[in-house]
Amino acid sequence: NSVKGRFTNTRDNAKSTVYLHMNNLKSEDTA
């Protein structure tokens, strides 16, 4: 819930890579 609507998780199995797209970042996201 803390990141819903701001973060998007995608993957590209051909590249063996997963991505986390982070938008509208807040100070609470620091980690």
Full PDB file with SEQRES, HELIX, SHEET, SSBOND, CRYST1, ORIGX, SCALE, CONECT and MASTER records, all heavy atoms in Angstrom:
SEQRES   1 A   31  ASN SER VAL LYS GLY ARG PHE THR ASN THR ARG ASP ASN          
SEQRES   2 A   31  ALA LYS SER THR VAL TYR LEU HIS MET ASN ASN LEU LYS          
SEQRES   3 A   31  SER GLU ASP THR ALA                                          
HELIX    1 AA1 ASN A   13  LYS A   15  5                                   3    
HELIX    2 AA2 SER A   27  ASP A   29  5                                   3    
SHEET    1 AA1 2 PHE A   7  ASP A  12  0                                        
SHEET    2 AA1 2 THR A  17  MET A  22 -1                                        
CRYST1    1.000    1.000    1.000  90.00  90.00  90.00 P 1           1          
ORIGX1      1.000000  0.000000  0.000000        0.00000                         
ORIGX2      0.000000  1.000000  0.000000        0.00000                         
ORIGX3      0.000000  0.000000  1.000000        0.00000                         
SCALE1      1.000000  0.000000  0.000000        0.00000                         
SCALE2      0.000000  1.000000  0.000000        0.00000                         
SCALE3      0.000000  0.000000  1.000000        0.00000                         
ATOM      1  N   ASN A   1       0.819  -1.216   0.000  1.00  0.00           N  
ATOM      2  CA  ASN A   1       0.000   0.000   0.000  1.00  0.00           C  
ATOM      3  C   ASN A   1       0.854   1.269   0.000  1.00  0.00           C  
ATOM      4  O   ASN A   1       0.467   2.278  -0.591  1.00  0.00           O  
ATOM      5  CB  ASN A   1      -0.937   0.004   1.200  1.00  0.00           C  
ATOM      6  CG  ASN A   1      -2.044  -1.035   1.095  1.00  0.00           C  
ATOM      7  OD1 ASN A   1      -2.477  -1.593   2.101  1.00  0.00           O  
ATOM      8  ND2 ASN A   1      -2.502  -1.303  -0.118  1.00  0.00           N  
ATOM      9  N   SER A   2       2.008   1.211   0.632  1.00  0.00           N  
ATOM     10  CA  SER A   2       2.860   2.384   0.743  1.00  0.00           C  
ATOM     11  C   SER A   2       3.434   2.844  -0.593  1.00  0.00           C  
ATOM     12  O   SER A   2       3.842   3.997  -0.721  1.00  0.00           O  
ATOM     13  CB  SER A   2       3.999   2.117   1.729  1.00  0.00           C  
ATOM     14  OG  SER A   2       4.778   1.012   1.315  1.00  0.00           O  
ATOM     15  N   VAL A   3       3.471   1.944  -1.585  1.00  0.00           N  
ATOM     16  CA  VAL A   3       4.047   2.293  -2.883  1.00  0.00           C  
ATOM     17  C   VAL A   3       3.068   2.117  -4.030  1.00  0.00           C  
ATOM     18  O   VAL A   3       3.394   2.449  -5.179  1.00  0.00           O  
ATOM     19  CB  VAL A   3       5.325   1.479  -3.174  1.00  0.00           C  
ATOM     20  CG1 VAL A   3       6.330   1.646  -2.048  1.00  0.00           C  
ATOM     21  CG2 VAL A   3       4.997   0.005  -3.387  1.00  0.00           C  
ATOM     22  N   LYS A   4       1.887   1.618  -3.747  1.00  0.00           N  
ATOM     23  CA  LYS A   4       0.894   1.364  -4.785  1.00  0.00           C  
ATOM     24  C   LYS A   4       0.567   2.646  -5.542  1.00  0.00           C  
ATOM     25  O   LYS A   4       0.314   3.692  -4.953  1.00  0.00           O  
ATOM     26  CB  LYS A   4      -0.366   0.772  -4.164  1.00  0.00           C  
ATOM     27  CG  LYS A   4      -1.320   0.130  -5.161  1.00  0.00           C  
ATOM     28  CD  LYS A   4      -2.445  -0.621  -4.435  1.00  0.00           C  
ATOM     29  CE  LYS A   4      -1.909  -1.774  -3.603  1.00  0.00           C  
ATOM     30  NZ  LYS A   4      -3.004  -2.545  -2.942  1.00  0.00           N  
ATOM     31  N   GLY A   5       0.587   2.554  -6.869  1.00  0.00           N  
ATOM     32  CA  GLY A   5       0.329   3.710  -7.704  1.00  0.00           C  
ATOM     33  C   GLY A   5       1.567   4.520  -8.010  1.00  0.00           C  
ATOM     34  O   GLY A   5       1.524   5.412  -8.869  1.00  0.00           O  
ATOM     35  N   ARG A   6       2.671   4.241  -7.327  1.00  0.00           N  
ATOM     36  CA  ARG A   6       3.919   4.966  -7.549  1.00  0.00           C  
ATOM     37  C   ARG A   6       5.021   4.069  -8.110  1.00  0.00           C  
ATOM     38  O   ARG A   6       5.847   4.528  -8.903  1.00  0.00           O  
ATOM     39  CB  ARG A   6       4.408   5.604  -6.253  1.00  0.00           C  
ATOM     40  CG  ARG A   6       3.428   6.608  -5.653  1.00  0.00           C  
ATOM     41  CD  ARG A   6       4.055   7.370  -4.494  1.00  0.00           C  
ATOM     42  NE  ARG A   6       4.418   6.485  -3.382  1.00  0.00           N  
ATOM     43  CZ  ARG A   6       5.663   6.313  -2.946  1.00  0.00           C  
ATOM     44  NH1 ARG A   6       6.671   6.962  -3.515  1.00  0.00           N  
ATOM     45  NH2 ARG A   6       5.903   5.496  -1.916  1.00  0.00           N  
ATOM     46  N   PHE A   7       5.047   2.813  -7.689  1.00  0.00           N  
ATOM     47  CA  PHE A   7       6.062   1.859  -8.140  1.00  0.00           C  
ATOM     48  C   PHE A   7       5.430   0.838  -9.073  1.00  0.00           C  
ATOM     49  O   PHE A   7       4.310   0.378  -8.840  1.00  0.00           O  
ATOM     50  CB  PHE A   7       6.681   1.110  -6.960  1.00  0.00           C  
ATOM     51  CG  PHE A   7       7.520   1.943  -6.032  1.00  0.00           C  
ATOM     52  CD1 PHE A   7       7.600   3.320  -6.156  1.00  0.00           C  
ATOM     53  CD2 PHE A   7       8.245   1.324  -5.025  1.00  0.00           C  
ATOM     54  CE1 PHE A   7       8.376   4.076  -5.295  1.00  0.00           C  
ATOM     55  CE2 PHE A   7       9.027   2.062  -4.161  1.00  0.00           C  
ATOM     56  CZ  PHE A   7       9.099   3.433  -4.283  1.00  0.00           C  
ATOM     57  N   THR A   8       6.160   0.452 -10.114  1.00  0.00           N  
ATOM     58  CA  THR A   8       5.703  -0.562 -11.050  1.00  0.00           C  
ATOM     59  C   THR A   8       6.787  -1.617 -11.231  1.00  0.00           C  
ATOM     60  O   THR A   8       7.942  -1.287 -11.500  1.00  0.00           O  
ATOM     61  CB  THR A   8       5.357   0.048 -12.417  1.00  0.00           C  
ATOM     62  OG1 THR A   8       4.350   1.051 -12.249  1.00  0.00           O  
ATOM     63  CG2 THR A   8       4.833  -1.028 -13.366  1.00  0.00           C  
ATOM     64  N   ASN A   9       6.412  -2.874 -11.081  1.00  0.00           N  
ATOM     65  CA  ASN A   9       7.330  -4.003 -11.179  1.00  0.00           C  
ATOM     66  C   ASN A   9       7.133  -4.692 -12.528  1.00  0.00           C  
ATOM     67  O   ASN A   9       6.017  -5.095 -12.862  1.00  0.00           O  
ATOM     68  CB  ASN A   9       7.047  -4.982 -10.042  1.00  0.00           C  
ATOM     69  CG  ASN A   9       8.157  -5.976  -9.795  1.00  0.00           C  
ATOM     70  OD1 ASN A   9       9.095  -6.091 -10.575  1.00  0.00           O  
ATOM     71  ND2 ASN A   9       8.049  -6.715  -8.694  1.00  0.00           N  
ATOM     72  N   THR A  10       8.202  -4.820 -13.307  1.00  0.00           N  
ATOM     73  CA  THR A  10       8.135  -5.502 -14.596  1.00  0.00           C  
ATOM     74  C   THR A  10       9.308  -6.467 -14.719  1.00  0.00           C  
ATOM     75  O   THR A  10      10.279  -6.372 -13.969  1.00  0.00           O  
ATOM     76  CB  THR A  10       8.172  -4.516 -15.781  1.00  0.00           C  
ATOM     77  OG1 THR A  10       9.417  -3.808 -15.783  1.00  0.00           O  
ATOM     78  CG2 THR A  10       7.026  -3.517 -15.694  1.00  0.00           C  
ATOM     79  N   ARG A  11       9.212  -7.396 -15.663  1.00  0.00           N  
ATOM     80  CA  ARG A  11      10.317  -8.316 -15.894  1.00  0.00           C  
ATOM     81  C   ARG A  11      10.467  -8.616 -17.370  1.00  0.00           C  
ATOM     82  O   ARG A  11       9.503  -8.571 -18.135  1.00  0.00           O  
ATOM     83  CB  ARG A  11      10.138  -9.614 -15.093  1.00  0.00           C  
ATOM     84  CG  ARG A  11       8.986 -10.497 -15.538  1.00  0.00           C  
ATOM     85  CD  ARG A  11       8.780 -11.648 -14.542  1.00  0.00           C  
ATOM     86  NE  ARG A  11       9.902 -12.567 -14.520  1.00  0.00           N  
ATOM     87  CZ  ARG A  11      10.184 -13.389 -13.501  1.00  0.00           C  
ATOM     88  NH1 ARG A  11       9.423 -13.379 -12.413  1.00  0.00           N  
ATOM     89  NH2 ARG A  11      11.231 -14.212 -13.581  1.00  0.00           N  
ATOM     90  N   ASP A  12      11.690  -8.931 -17.752  1.00  0.00           N  
ATOM     91  CA  ASP A  12      12.022  -9.313 -19.108  1.00  0.00           C  
ATOM     92  C   ASP A  12      12.751 -10.645 -19.004  1.00  0.00           C  
ATOM     93  O   ASP A  12      13.946 -10.685 -18.732  1.00  0.00           O  
ATOM     94  CB  ASP A  12      12.899  -8.255 -19.773  1.00  0.00           C  
ATOM     95  CG  ASP A  12      13.146  -8.534 -21.244  1.00  0.00           C  
ATOM     96  OD1 ASP A  12      12.985  -9.690 -21.678  1.00  0.00           O  
ATOM     97  OD2 ASP A  12      13.503  -7.591 -21.971  1.00  0.00           O  
ATOM     98  N   ASN A  13      12.016 -11.728 -19.200  1.00  0.00           N  
ATOM     99  CA  ASN A  13      12.613 -13.055 -19.032  1.00  0.00           C  
ATOM    100  C   ASN A  13      13.700 -13.341 -20.066  1.00  0.00           C  
ATOM    101  O   ASN A  13      14.627 -14.106 -19.794  1.00  0.00           O  
ATOM    102  CB  ASN A  13      11.525 -14.131 -19.088  1.00  0.00           C  
ATOM    103  CG  ASN A  13      10.719 -14.199 -17.807  1.00  0.00           C  
ATOM    104  OD1 ASN A  13      11.082 -13.590 -16.798  1.00  0.00           O  
ATOM    105  ND2 ASN A  13       9.621 -14.943 -17.837  1.00  0.00           N  
ATOM    106  N   ALA A  14      13.603 -12.746 -21.244  1.00  0.00           N  
ATOM    107  CA  ALA A  14      14.627 -12.933 -22.264  1.00  0.00           C  
ATOM    108  C   ALA A  14      15.960 -12.343 -21.820  1.00  0.00           C  
ATOM    109  O   ALA A  14      17.019 -12.821 -22.221  1.00  0.00           O  
ATOM    110  CB  ALA A  14      14.192 -12.308 -23.585  1.00  0.00           C  
ATOM    111  N   LYS A  15      15.907 -11.300 -20.980  1.00  0.00           N  
ATOM    112  CA  LYS A  15      17.114 -10.653 -20.475  1.00  0.00           C  
ATOM    113  C   LYS A  15      17.447 -11.074 -19.049  1.00  0.00           C  
ATOM    114  O   LYS A  15      18.423 -10.584 -18.480  1.00  0.00           O  
ATOM    115  CB  LYS A  15      16.964  -9.134 -20.531  1.00  0.00           C  
ATOM    116  CG  LYS A  15      16.831  -8.568 -21.926  1.00  0.00           C  
ATOM    117  CD  LYS A  15      16.713  -7.050 -21.880  1.00  0.00           C  
ATOM    118  CE  LYS A  15      16.617  -6.464 -23.276  1.00  0.00           C  
ATOM    119  NZ  LYS A  15      16.475  -4.983 -23.240  1.00  0.00           N  
ATOM    120  N   SER A  16      16.644 -11.954 -18.473  1.00  0.00           N  
ATOM    121  CA  SER A  16      16.823 -12.408 -17.086  1.00  0.00           C  
ATOM    122  C   SER A  16      16.937 -11.223 -16.135  1.00  0.00           C  
ATOM    123  O   SER A  16      17.790 -11.192 -15.250  1.00  0.00           O  
ATOM    124  CB  SER A  16      18.064 -13.306 -16.976  1.00  0.00           C  
ATOM    125  OG  SER A  16      17.897 -14.485 -17.736  1.00  0.00           O  
ATOM    126  N   THR A  17      16.054 -10.256 -16.315  1.00  0.00           N  
ATOM    127  CA  THR A  17      16.110  -9.021 -15.545  1.00  0.00           C  
ATOM    128  C   THR A  17      14.718  -8.610 -15.081  1.00  0.00           C  
ATOM    129  O   THR A  17      13.747  -8.718 -15.834  1.00  0.00           O  
ATOM    130  CB  THR A  17      16.727  -7.886 -16.375  1.00  0.00           C  
ATOM    131  OG1 THR A  17      18.040  -8.266 -16.791  1.00  0.00           O  
ATOM    132  CG2 THR A  17      16.819  -6.601 -15.562  1.00  0.00           C  
ATOM    133  N   VAL A  18      14.635  -8.132 -13.850  1.00  0.00           N  
ATOM    134  CA  VAL A  18      13.410  -7.572 -13.311  1.00  0.00           C  
ATOM    135  C   VAL A  18      13.680  -6.107 -12.984  1.00  0.00           C  
ATOM    136  O   VAL A  18      14.803  -5.738 -12.609  1.00  0.00           O  
ATOM    137  CB  VAL A  18      12.929  -8.356 -12.065  1.00  0.00           C  
ATOM    138  CG1 VAL A  18      13.952  -8.289 -10.940  1.00  0.00           C  
ATOM    139  CG2 VAL A  18      11.574  -7.855 -11.602  1.00  0.00           C  
ATOM    140  N   TYR A  19      12.666  -5.267 -13.144  1.00  0.00           N  
ATOM    141  CA  TYR A  19      12.808  -3.838 -12.941  1.00  0.00           C  
ATOM    142  C   TYR A  19      11.805  -3.336 -11.912  1.00  0.00           C  
ATOM    143  O   TYR A  19      10.699  -3.853 -11.784  1.00  0.00           O  
ATOM    144  CB  TYR A  19      12.575  -3.070 -14.244  1.00  0.00           C  
ATOM    145  CG  TYR A  19      13.439  -3.512 -15.390  1.00  0.00           C  
ATOM    146  CD1 TYR A  19      12.982  -4.462 -16.300  1.00  0.00           C  
ATOM    147  CD2 TYR A  19      14.713  -2.979 -15.571  1.00  0.00           C  
ATOM    148  CE1 TYR A  19      13.774  -4.871 -17.358  1.00  0.00           C  
ATOM    149  CE2 TYR A  19      15.505  -3.380 -16.630  1.00  0.00           C  
ATOM    150  CZ  TYR A  19      15.036  -4.323 -17.519  1.00  0.00           C  
ATOM    151  OH  TYR A  19      15.823  -4.724 -18.570  1.00  0.00           O  
ATOM    152  N   LEU A  20      12.196  -2.292 -11.201  1.00  0.00           N  
ATOM    153  CA  LEU A  20      11.285  -1.585 -10.318  1.00  0.00           C  
ATOM    154  C   LEU A  20      11.305  -0.117 -10.740  1.00  0.00           C  
ATOM    155  O   LEU A  20      12.300   0.578 -10.539  1.00  0.00           O  
ATOM    156  CB  LEU A  20      11.689  -1.724  -8.849  1.00  0.00           C  
ATOM    157  CG  LEU A  20      10.715  -1.107  -7.840  1.00  0.00           C  
ATOM    158  CD1 LEU A  20       9.381  -1.856  -7.862  1.00  0.00           C  
ATOM    159  CD2 LEU A  20      11.300  -1.120  -6.434  1.00  0.00           C  
ATOM    160  N   HIS A  21      10.210   0.318 -11.346  1.00  0.00           N  
ATOM    161  CA  HIS A  21      10.071   1.702 -11.779  1.00  0.00           C  
ATOM    162  C   HIS A  21       9.477   2.489 -10.622  1.00  0.00           C  
ATOM    163  O   HIS A  21       8.353   2.226 -10.204  1.00  0.00           O  
ATOM    164  CB  HIS A  21       9.168   1.788 -13.008  1.00  0.00           C  
ATOM    165  CG  HIS A  21       9.560   0.860 -14.119  1.00  0.00           C  
ATOM    166  ND1 HIS A  21      10.344   1.264 -15.179  1.00  0.00           N  
ATOM    167  CD2 HIS A  21       9.284  -0.457 -14.327  1.00  0.00           C  
ATOM    168  CE1 HIS A  21      10.527   0.242 -16.002  1.00  0.00           C  
ATOM    169  NE2 HIS A  21       9.907  -0.815 -15.509  1.00  0.00           N  
ATOM    170  N   MET A  22      10.216   3.464 -10.124  1.00  0.00           N  
ATOM    171  CA  MET A  22       9.834   4.227  -8.945  1.00  0.00           C  
ATOM    172  C   MET A  22       9.540   5.668  -9.349  1.00  0.00           C  
ATOM    173  O   MET A  22      10.416   6.358  -9.858  1.00  0.00           O  
ATOM    174  CB  MET A  22      10.954   4.180  -7.908  1.00  0.00           C  
ATOM    175  CG  MET A  22      11.431   2.759  -7.602  1.00  0.00           C  
ATOM    176  SD  MET A  22      13.025   2.726  -6.727  1.00  0.00           S  
ATOM    177  CE  MET A  22      12.555   3.416  -5.151  1.00  0.00           C  
ATOM    178  N   ASN A  23       8.306   6.101  -9.108  1.00  0.00           N  
ATOM    179  CA  ASN A  23       7.886   7.459  -9.444  1.00  0.00           C  
ATOM    180  C   ASN A  23       7.370   8.178  -8.213  1.00  0.00           C  
ATOM    181  O   ASN A  23       6.979   7.555  -7.232  1.00  0.00           O  
ATOM    182  CB  ASN A  23       6.794   7.428 -10.510  1.00  0.00           C  
ATOM    183  CG  ASN A  23       7.233   6.787 -11.796  1.00  0.00           C  
ATOM    184  OD1 ASN A  23       8.255   7.156 -12.371  1.00  0.00           O  
ATOM    185  ND2 ASN A  23       6.459   5.811 -12.273  1.00  0.00           N  
ATOM    186  N   ASN A  24       7.351   9.511  -8.290  1.00  0.00           N  
ATOM    187  CA  ASN A  24       6.861  10.342  -7.187  1.00  0.00           C  
ATOM    188  C   ASN A  24       7.471   9.906  -5.856  1.00  0.00           C  
ATOM    189  O   ASN A  24       6.776   9.664  -4.876  1.00  0.00           O  
ATOM    190  CB  ASN A  24       5.335  10.279  -7.124  1.00  0.00           C  
ATOM    191  CG  ASN A  24       4.743  11.311  -6.192  1.00  0.00           C  
ATOM    192  OD1 ASN A  24       5.347  12.354  -5.935  1.00  0.00           O  
ATOM    193  ND2 ASN A  24       3.553  11.029  -5.668  1.00  0.00           N  
ATOM    194  N   LEU A  25       8.774   9.837  -5.833  1.00  0.00           N  
ATOM    195  CA  LEU A  25       9.477   9.342  -4.649  1.00  0.00           C  
ATOM    196  C   LEU A  25       9.301  10.263  -3.450  1.00  0.00           C  
ATOM    197  O   LEU A  25       9.269  11.488  -3.587  1.00  0.00           O  
ATOM    198  CB  LEU A  25      10.955   9.161  -4.960  1.00  0.00           C  
ATOM    199  CG  LEU A  25      11.263   7.920  -5.806  1.00  0.00           C  
ATOM    200  CD1 LEU A  25      12.621   8.045  -6.475  1.00  0.00           C  
ATOM    201  CD2 LEU A  25      11.202   6.665  -4.933  1.00  0.00           C  
ATOM    202  N   LYS A  26       9.188   9.646  -2.284  1.00  0.00           N  
ATOM    203  CA  LYS A  26       9.041  10.349  -1.022  1.00  0.00           C  
ATOM    204  C   LYS A  26      10.256  10.085  -0.144  1.00  0.00           C  
ATOM    205  O   LYS A  26      10.984   9.121  -0.355  1.00  0.00           O  
ATOM    206  CB  LYS A  26       7.781   9.862  -0.296  1.00  0.00           C  
ATOM    207  CG  LYS A  26       6.500   9.980  -1.102  1.00  0.00           C  
ATOM    208  CD  LYS A  26       5.333   9.380  -0.338  1.00  0.00           C  
ATOM    209  CE  LYS A  26       4.044   9.492  -1.118  1.00  0.00           C  
ATOM    210  NZ  LYS A  26       2.901   8.904  -0.368  1.00  0.00           N  
ATOM    211  N   SER A  27      10.446  10.927   0.851  1.00  0.00           N  
ATOM    212  CA  SER A  27      11.572  10.738   1.758  1.00  0.00           C  
ATOM    213  C   SER A  27      11.481   9.390   2.471  1.00  0.00           C  
ATOM    214  O   SER A  27      12.513   8.781   2.779  1.00  0.00           O  
ATOM    215  CB  SER A  27      11.646  11.869   2.779  1.00  0.00           C  
ATOM    216  OG  SER A  27      10.464  11.939   3.559  1.00  0.00           O  
ATOM    217  N   GLU A  28      10.269   8.914   2.711  1.00  0.00           N  
ATOM    218  CA  GLU A  28      10.061   7.633   3.369  1.00  0.00           C  
ATOM    219  C   GLU A  28      10.518   6.445   2.526  1.00  0.00           C  
ATOM    220  O   GLU A  28      10.606   5.325   3.041  1.00  0.00           O  
ATOM    221  CB  GLU A  28       8.579   7.433   3.721  1.00  0.00           C  
ATOM    222  CG  GLU A  28       7.961   8.577   4.498  1.00  0.00           C  
ATOM    223  CD  GLU A  28       7.261   9.572   3.593  1.00  0.00           C  
ATOM    224  OE1 GLU A  28       7.945  10.478   3.070  1.00  0.00           O  
ATOM    225  OE2 GLU A  28       6.028   9.448   3.415  1.00  0.00           O  
ATOM    226  N   ASP A  29      10.791   6.677   1.248  1.00  0.00           N  
ATOM    227  CA  ASP A  29      11.264   5.608   0.369  1.00  0.00           C  
ATOM    228  C   ASP A  29      12.763   5.367   0.506  1.00  0.00           C  
ATOM    229  O   ASP A  29      13.294   4.418  -0.082  1.00  0.00           O  
ATOM    230  CB  ASP A  29      10.938   5.928  -1.093  1.00  0.00           C  
ATOM    231  CG  ASP A  29       9.445   5.976  -1.356  1.00  0.00           C  
ATOM    232  OD1 ASP A  29       8.708   5.128  -0.822  1.00  0.00           O  
ATOM    233  OD2 ASP A  29       9.020   6.873  -2.113  1.00  0.00           O  
ATOM    234  N   THR A  30      13.450   6.214   1.251  1.00  0.00           N  
ATOM    235  CA  THR A  30      14.890   6.057   1.447  1.00  0.00           C  
ATOM    236  C   THR A  30      15.184   4.732   2.142  1.00  0.00           C  
ATOM    237  O   THR A  30      14.680   4.464   3.228  1.00  0.00           O  
ATOM    238  CB  THR A  30      15.455   7.219   2.272  1.00  0.00           C  
ATOM    239  OG1 THR A  30      15.311   8.441   1.532  1.00  0.00           O  
ATOM    240  CG2 THR A  30      16.927   6.999   2.588  1.00  0.00           C  
ATOM    241  N   ALA A  31      15.995   3.894   1.504  1.00  0.00           N  
ATOM    242  CA  ALA A  31      16.313   2.572   2.037  1.00  0.00           C  
ATOM    243  C   ALA A  31      17.291   1.875   1.105  1.00  0.00           C  
ATOM    244  O   ALA A  31      17.555   2.347  -0.004  1.00  0.00           O  
ATOM    245  CB  ALA A  31      15.044   1.723   2.170  1.00  0.00           C  
TER     246      ALA A  31                                                      
MASTER        0    0    0    2    2    0    0    6  245    1    0    3          
END                                                                             
